[in-house]
């Protein structure tokens, strides 16, 4: 797999958690190791992009997280394909 920026990894995590899902499913959908996932989940929760639903043991993307995804996808559309493929 190619090198991914932290913004791309964050977008993958938020997309995977959209609607609510488990830590394991996020890990597989975002192609992350467990330790790397734990670090990102902590940062995303601290910044209110992701929430943890304790009773259901699920992670869910917040409104702020959905806004991040919307902006990330808009920027991706603006980039020329030759830059994205490098």
C-alpha atoms as a PDB file:
ATOM      1  CA  UNK A   1       0.000   0.000   0.000  1.00  0.00           C
ATOM      2  CA  UNK A   2       1.202   3.508  -0.799  1.00  0.00           C
ATOM      3  CA  UNK A   3       2.127   6.040   1.834  1.00  0.00           C
ATOM      4  CA  UNK A   4      -0.956   7.720   3.294  1.00  0.00           C
ATOM      5  CA  UNK A   5      -1.077  11.086   4.984  1.00  0.00           C
ATOM      6  CA  UNK A   6      -2.669  11.452   8.396  1.00  0.00           C
ATOM      7  CA  UNK A   7      -5.517  13.442   6.809  1.00  0.00           C
ATOM      8  CA  UNK A   8      -6.248  10.515   4.497  1.00  0.00           C
ATOM      9  CA  UNK A   9      -6.153   8.034   7.399  1.00  0.00           C
ATOM     10  CA  UNK A  10      -8.481  10.246   9.456  1.00  0.00           C
ATOM     11  CA  UNK A  11     -10.914  10.405   6.530  1.00  0.00           C
ATOM     12  CA  UNK A  12     -10.847   6.611   6.180  1.00  0.00           C
ATOM     13  CA  UNK A  13     -11.555   6.145   9.892  1.00  0.00           C
ATOM     14  CA  UNK A  14     -14.403   8.673   9.887  1.00  0.00           C
ATOM     15  CA  UNK A  15     -15.894   7.090   6.782  1.00  0.00           C
ATOM     16  CA  UNK A  16     -15.661   3.620   8.330  1.00  0.00           C
ATOM     17  CA  UNK A  17     -17.329   4.822  11.552  1.00  0.00           C
ATOM     18  CA  UNK A  18     -20.128   6.678   9.788  1.00  0.00           C
ATOM     19  CA  UNK A  19     -23.342   5.290  11.276  1.00  0.00           C
ATOM     20  CA  UNK A  20     -21.542   3.497  14.111  1.00  0.00           C
ATOM     21  CA  UNK A  21     -19.259   0.472  14.098  1.00  0.00           C
ATOM     22  CA  UNK A  22     -16.786  -1.470  16.204  1.00  0.00           C
ATOM     23  CA  UNK A  23     -13.077  -0.840  16.650  1.00  0.00           C
ATOM     24  CA  UNK A  24     -12.232  -4.032  14.746  1.00  0.00           C
ATOM     25  CA  UNK A  25     -14.284  -3.066  11.701  1.00  0.00           C
ATOM     26  CA  UNK A  26     -12.684   0.386  11.616  1.00  0.00           C
ATOM     27  CA  UNK A  27      -9.243  -1.222  11.835  1.00  0.00           C
ATOM     28  CA  UNK A  28      -9.912  -3.442   8.810  1.00  0.00           C
ATOM     29  CA  UNK A  29     -11.712  -0.816   6.714  1.00  0.00           C
ATOM     30  CA  UNK A  30      -8.968   1.777   7.292  1.00  0.00           C
ATOM     31  CA  UNK A  31      -6.112  -0.758   6.892  1.00  0.00           C
ATOM     32  CA  UNK A  32      -4.531   0.062  10.258  1.00  0.00           C
ATOM     33  CA  UNK A  33      -2.735  -1.897  12.921  1.00  0.00           C
ATOM     34  CA  UNK A  34      -4.210  -1.986  16.408  1.00  0.00           C
ATOM     35  CA  UNK A  35      -1.694   0.392  18.032  1.00  0.00           C
ATOM     36  CA  UNK A  36      -1.964   2.901  15.203  1.00  0.00           C
ATOM     37  CA  UNK A  37      -5.769   2.739  15.385  1.00  0.00           C
ATOM     38  CA  UNK A  38      -5.754   3.370  19.147  1.00  0.00           C
ATOM     39  CA  UNK A  39      -3.686   6.536  18.661  1.00  0.00           C
ATOM     40  CA  UNK A  40      -5.993   7.873  15.963  1.00  0.00           C
ATOM     41  CA  UNK A  41      -9.168   7.034  17.909  1.00  0.00           C
ATOM     42  CA  UNK A  42      -7.871   8.934  20.933  1.00  0.00           C
ATOM     43  CA  UNK A  43      -7.052  12.003  18.838  1.00  0.00           C
ATOM     44  CA  UNK A  44     -10.366  11.916  16.975  1.00  0.00           C
ATOM     45  CA  UNK A  45     -12.391  11.589  20.174  1.00  0.00           C
ATOM     46  CA  UNK A  46     -10.443  14.418  21.860  1.00  0.00           C
ATOM     47  CA  UNK A  47     -11.189  16.650  18.857  1.00  0.00           C
ATOM     48  CA  UNK A  48     -14.902  15.712  18.758  1.00  0.00           C
ATOM     49  CA  UNK A  49     -14.698  14.149  15.303  1.00  0.00           C
ATOM     50  CA  UNK A  50     -15.634  10.720  16.668  1.00  0.00           C
ATOM     51  CA  UNK A  51     -17.692   9.609  19.640  1.00  0.00           C
ATOM     52  CA  UNK A  52     -17.656   6.392  21.612  1.00  0.00           C
ATOM     53  CA  UNK A  53     -21.044   4.963  22.567  1.00  0.00           C
ATOM     54  CA  UNK A  54     -20.226   3.107  25.776  1.00  0.00           C
ATOM     55  CA  UNK A  55     -23.327   0.947  26.173  1.00  0.00           C
ATOM     56  CA  UNK A  56     -23.152  -0.367  22.611  1.00  0.00           C
ATOM     57  CA  UNK A  57     -19.322  -0.303  22.441  1.00  0.00           C
ATOM     58  CA  UNK A  58     -19.463   1.472  19.087  1.00  0.00           C
ATOM     59  CA  UNK A  59     -17.615   4.381  17.515  1.00  0.00           C
ATOM     60  CA  UNK A  60     -19.656   6.882  15.551  1.00  0.00           C
ATOM     61  CA  UNK A  61     -18.674   9.859  13.394  1.00  0.00           C
ATOM     62  CA  UNK A  62     -19.968  13.146  14.836  1.00  0.00           C
ATOM     63  CA  UNK A  63     -21.424  16.090  12.903  1.00  0.00           C
ATOM     64  CA  UNK A  64     -18.000  17.736  13.066  1.00  0.00           C
ATOM     65  CA  UNK A  65     -16.473  14.539  11.692  1.00  0.00           C
ATOM     66  CA  UNK A  66     -18.993  14.455   8.844  1.00  0.00           C
ATOM     67  CA  UNK A  67     -18.074  18.068   8.043  1.00  0.00           C
ATOM     68  CA  UNK A  68     -14.385  17.027   7.930  1.00  0.00           C
ATOM     69  CA  UNK A  69     -15.258  14.219   5.508  1.00  0.00           C
ATOM     70  CA  UNK A  70     -17.240  16.582   3.302  1.00  0.00           C
ATOM     71  CA  UNK A  71     -14.345  19.061   3.146  1.00  0.00           C
ATOM     72  CA  UNK A  72     -11.784  16.278   2.593  1.00  0.00           C
ATOM     73  CA  UNK A  73     -13.790  14.852  -0.325  1.00  0.00           C
ATOM     74  CA  UNK A  74     -14.231  18.329  -1.848  1.00  0.00           C
ATOM     75  CA  UNK A  75     -10.473  18.911  -1.732  1.00  0.00           C
ATOM     76  CA  UNK A  76      -9.830  15.465  -3.260  1.00  0.00           C
ATOM     77  CA  UNK A  77     -12.076  16.410  -6.193  1.00  0.00           C
ATOM     78  CA  UNK A  78     -10.126  19.618  -6.776  1.00  0.00           C
ATOM     79  CA  UNK A  79      -6.706  17.948  -6.947  1.00  0.00           C
ATOM     80  CA  UNK A  80      -5.459  16.934 -10.382  1.00  0.00           C
ATOM     81  CA  UNK A  81      -5.215  13.144 -10.715  1.00  0.00           C
ATOM     82  CA  UNK A  82      -1.472  13.266 -11.472  1.00  0.00           C
ATOM     83  CA  UNK A  83      -0.792  14.741  -8.024  1.00  0.00           C
ATOM     84  CA  UNK A  84      -3.020  12.205  -6.215  1.00  0.00           C
ATOM     85  CA  UNK A  85      -1.313   9.222  -7.869  1.00  0.00           C
ATOM     86  CA  UNK A  86       2.229  10.133  -6.770  1.00  0.00           C
END
